């Protein structure tokens, strides 16, 4: 049988397994191994599969992933998310759409202590959505804001997606992490503008913000001071990596150690159950990520053996698209793929295929990486997968349905698409900070 035909059959079987509900990591590994067996035999396939998994998962930089995840759970257990929302709400809570804007800004700040958008969405859906509803926000919009705001946490450091991208592509993870700061802030601004526009044109969806309490300037400044933990962690992550003091792994270790000891000091009376839950969730989430990465590595190796990846690369290069046309095409591809696959799976499967093409076009790899991650992020709130939506739904009030939250994220999905266009047209947004880094 022709090798390309084998690859097409493998992809078709993978799609069927995913439709049947098989875990993405298991499905990728199964199809990859069976496909390799059909090409090179059982013994060679087993050796190749084990070598591939070891090579991909033994990278020192992957230690950063469980540390980033642990940071998020420790910060959540320590009540940092509540304090940062309270502080930012005091500053903007009384303007039109102010509580929603405070939620988006809180998601951005909390993103400095967690590399998981799912954690951020879940935490703020439980804290902020009921508060927004209390002040007259439509339930769809309240939970849509929380689900969408969680995306920002996957752009700014610490970002699990940037770490995985760096490991798979060979790019500097430090530069990738710093490159996500400006796009993350851009997305925060676009979300805030979206909320303001909704407040102006659809006031029935988010009314009564002016009934929020009034605070003096001194009270507002004091509330920011109470969030010193999050500013300290942000200083470690941003300042340490940008200034060349820490590499990403060292920064994650220092920040997670700080949050660990802070939790021990502030929650000493109930520290054991909190730590047990944080470490258990960290372990289970890390195992899920590594399972997907291992399965995707096997599947990618299978595609390489069939020659399909090289054929696809030659075909795309032969189309003679301009660099702008290519990156627009790939962005649309990732946005559509996000309707069916999770973020990590998309990265693991596509990077070995597309990165050689990007190298042939001599594009700035950091700019391309940020555009890809932003495009993939759109999938976090796109039906039917939309993991952030499911995360918000898991902690939502009983009268909120999954369809309600998907309805509430559409204005923000448009904002995400707009941010991708802006990043494509203005590459310096994602490259200026990495180019200024010390100790690159």
Foldseek 3Di string as FASTA:
>chain_A
DALVVLLVVLVVQLVVCVVVPDQLLVSLQVSLLVLVCVPPNNVVSVVVLVVLLCLLPVDPLLLLQLLQLLQLLLCLLLCLLVLQLVLQCQVQLQDQLRSLLSLLVSLLLSLLRHQFLLSQLLSCLQPRLVVQVVQQAASLQSSLSSLLSSLLSCQAPPHPLLSSLCSVQVDQSLLLNLLSPLLSVLLSVLSSVLSVVCCVPPVNRGDRSNVDDHDDPVVSVVSVVVSVLSVVLSCLSNVCSQAVVDRSNVSSVVSSVVSLVVCCVPVVVPNVVSVVVSVVVSVVVSVSLSSLLSSLSSSQVSCVVSVVLVVVLVVVVVVVDQPLRVLVVVLVVLLVVLQRDALSNVSSNPCVRCVVSCVVNVDDVSLSSSLNSLSNSLSCLHPDPNSSLVSSVVSHDPVDDSVSNSVNNVSSSVSSVVSSVVCSVPVCSSNVSSVSGPPD
